[in-house]
Protein backbone atom coordinates (compact mmCIF):
# COMPACT_ATOMS: atom_id res chain seq x y z
CA MET A 1 -58.95 106.59 -103.73
CA PRO A 2 -60.70 109.09 -101.34
CA ILE A 3 -59.36 112.39 -100.32
CA GLY A 4 -57.88 112.08 -96.62
CA THR A 5 -57.47 114.69 -94.02
CA ASN A 6 -54.47 116.96 -95.00
CA ASP A 7 -54.39 116.01 -98.62
CA ALA A 8 -53.40 118.68 -100.98
CA ILE A 9 -56.49 120.09 -102.80
CA ALA A 10 -57.44 123.13 -105.06
CA LYS A 11 -59.19 125.94 -103.14
CA VAL A 12 -61.13 128.54 -105.22
CA GLY A 13 -61.97 131.87 -103.80
CA THR A 14 -64.63 134.66 -104.79
CA GLN A 15 -64.29 136.42 -108.14
CA THR A 16 -63.18 139.87 -108.00
CA SER A 17 -64.09 142.35 -110.74
CA LEU A 18 -60.81 144.78 -111.94
CA GLU A 19 -62.86 146.41 -114.65
CA THR A 20 -66.64 146.15 -114.98
CA SER A 21 -67.23 148.55 -118.12
CA GLY A 22 -64.06 149.42 -119.72
CA ALA A 23 -63.48 152.03 -122.37
CA SER A 24 -62.79 151.45 -125.97
CA ILE A 25 -59.38 150.45 -126.54
CA ALA A 26 -57.78 151.22 -130.11
CA ASN A 27 -55.69 148.91 -132.03
CA ASN A 28 -52.09 148.83 -130.65
CA ALA A 29 -53.01 151.03 -127.60
CA VAL A 30 -53.06 150.39 -123.79
CA LEU A 31 -55.68 150.75 -121.03
CA ALA A 32 -55.65 150.09 -117.30
CA ALA A 33 -58.29 148.40 -115.19
CA THR A 34 -59.75 150.59 -112.66
CA THR A 35 -59.25 148.39 -109.78
CA ALA A 36 -55.88 147.01 -108.27
CA TYR A 37 -55.73 143.09 -107.43
CA ASP A 38 -54.21 142.71 -103.93
CA ILE A 39 -53.69 139.18 -102.93
CA SER A 40 -53.76 139.96 -99.24
CA ALA A 41 -57.61 140.88 -99.96
CA ASN A 42 -58.14 137.32 -101.52
CA ALA A 43 -56.92 134.67 -98.89
CA ASN A 44 -53.16 135.31 -100.03
CA ALA A 45 -54.01 133.08 -103.10
CA PRO A 46 -50.77 133.28 -105.34
CA HIS A 47 -52.90 132.05 -108.51
CA VAL A 48 -55.85 133.27 -110.57
CA ASP A 49 -58.24 132.46 -113.16
CA ALA A 50 -58.50 135.57 -115.24
CA VAL A 51 -61.38 136.28 -117.29
CA LEU A 52 -61.73 138.79 -120.02
CA ALA A 53 -64.88 139.46 -121.66
CA VAL A 54 -64.40 141.55 -124.95
CA THR A 55 -66.54 142.33 -128.03
CA PHE A 56 -65.31 144.17 -131.40
CA ALA A 57 -67.63 146.10 -133.96
CA THR A 58 -65.52 144.65 -136.63
CA ALA A 59 -64.02 141.14 -136.42
CA PRO A 60 -60.43 141.27 -135.12
CA THR A 61 -57.37 139.39 -137.03
CA ILE A 62 -57.75 135.79 -135.76
CA ASN A 63 -55.08 134.36 -133.58
CA THR A 64 -54.05 138.01 -132.60
CA THR A 65 -53.57 138.75 -128.87
CA ILE A 66 -54.52 140.97 -125.99
CA ASP A 67 -51.87 141.32 -123.55
CA LEU A 68 -52.01 141.64 -119.84
CA TYR A 69 -49.50 143.70 -118.15
CA ALA A 70 -48.94 144.70 -114.40
CA ALA A 71 -47.64 147.84 -112.37
CA GLU A 72 -46.94 146.84 -108.84
CA GLN A 73 -48.37 149.11 -106.30
CA ASN A 74 -46.59 150.10 -102.83
CA ILE A 75 -43.31 148.66 -103.93
CA ASP A 76 -41.07 151.02 -101.86
CA GLY A 77 -43.31 152.47 -98.84
CA THR A 78 -46.12 154.08 -101.03
CA SER A 79 -44.23 154.40 -104.35
CA ASP A 80 -45.56 152.20 -107.21
CA GLU A 81 -44.09 150.79 -110.31
CA GLN A 82 -44.37 153.10 -113.52
CA ALA A 83 -47.44 152.14 -115.48
CA PRO A 84 -47.05 150.42 -118.77
CA THR A 85 -47.72 152.48 -121.93
CA ALA A 86 -47.99 151.52 -125.63
CA THR A 87 -44.11 151.57 -125.89
CA TYR A 88 -43.16 150.85 -122.18
CA LYS A 89 -44.36 147.23 -121.07
CA PRO A 90 -42.02 146.05 -118.34
CA LYS A 91 -44.22 143.45 -116.56
CA TYR A 92 -45.93 140.84 -118.75
CA ILE A 93 -48.40 138.73 -117.30
CA ALA A 94 -50.40 136.69 -119.98
CA SER A 95 -51.94 136.77 -123.66
CA PHE A 96 -55.45 136.14 -124.57
CA THR A 97 -55.96 135.02 -128.07
CA VAL A 98 -58.88 136.58 -129.96
CA ASN A 99 -61.04 135.01 -132.53
CA ALA A 100 -62.24 136.65 -135.77
CA VAL A 101 -65.72 137.46 -134.51
CA THR A 102 -68.10 140.20 -133.51
CA THR A 103 -69.93 138.23 -130.94
CA ALA A 104 -68.69 138.45 -126.91
CA GLN A 105 -65.69 136.86 -126.52
CA TYR A 106 -64.68 135.25 -123.11
CA LEU A 107 -61.26 134.63 -122.93
CA ASN A 108 -59.76 132.67 -119.71
CA LYS A 109 -56.26 132.35 -118.43
CA PHE A 110 -54.89 130.61 -115.52
CA ILE A 111 -51.97 132.78 -114.23
CA ARG A 112 -49.56 131.61 -111.60
CA ASN A 113 -47.75 133.87 -108.97
CA VAL A 114 -49.71 137.10 -109.67
CA PRO A 115 -47.72 140.15 -108.18
CA ARG A 116 -49.01 140.70 -104.49
CA ASN A 117 -50.75 144.27 -105.34
CA ALA A 118 -51.10 145.66 -108.91
CA ILE A 119 -52.94 147.72 -111.44
CA TYR A 120 -53.50 145.48 -114.63
CA THR A 121 -53.09 147.04 -118.08
CA LEU A 122 -54.47 145.59 -121.43
CA HIS A 123 -52.61 145.99 -124.68
CA ASN A 124 -54.46 145.70 -127.71
CA ASN A 125 -51.77 144.08 -129.62
CA GLY A 126 -52.15 143.95 -133.44
CA THR A 127 -55.91 142.91 -133.68
CA GLY A 128 -56.48 145.39 -136.33
CA GLN A 129 -59.66 146.66 -134.69
CA ALA A 130 -60.57 148.46 -131.34
CA ILE A 131 -61.96 146.61 -128.37
CA SER A 132 -65.37 148.11 -128.03
CA ALA A 133 -66.36 149.65 -124.69
CA ALA A 134 -67.90 147.84 -121.88
CA TRP A 135 -65.13 145.08 -121.50
CA THR A 136 -64.70 143.34 -118.45
CA LEU A 137 -61.67 141.77 -116.70
CA LYS A 138 -62.29 139.46 -113.50
CA PHE A 139 -59.94 137.39 -111.24
CA THR A 140 -60.67 134.52 -109.43
CA PRO A 141 -58.13 133.36 -106.60
CA ARG A 142 -56.96 129.78 -106.48
CA THR A 143 -54.27 127.96 -104.35
CA ILE A 144 -53.48 124.49 -103.24
CA GLY A 145 -53.97 123.72 -99.37
CA PRO A 146 -54.75 121.02 -96.90
CA SER A 147 -58.09 119.09 -96.96
CA ALA A 148 -60.27 119.61 -93.88
């Protein structure tokens, strides 16, 4: 059956880099990406494909995770939500499961309903190893809309 006019279709926007060369993240530590993600700058698409690219100098423990948290920006005028720390992580977004390899790992997650404007923080959650410097985090906006 062909897609007709005004049928719902998936729409994908342009990928945005939140971090292009992140510093090393010790085991059980957190580090924020340098750039906020604002859906208003991305066609107000409420969903994203998140891609995290990481390497480890020593293989991490298989099936452990790197967790993604958000700190919303401008939630009360220009006041921001408190940033996550190693012991305070109020807004969980997703987890990326790692493999026990030292080669580059490209980890992908589809995330629904991201906060409208937020800084994203990674938590190296019990991998047993530091994430090497130069990791990247990218979001590609996605939504559903009518066909043309």
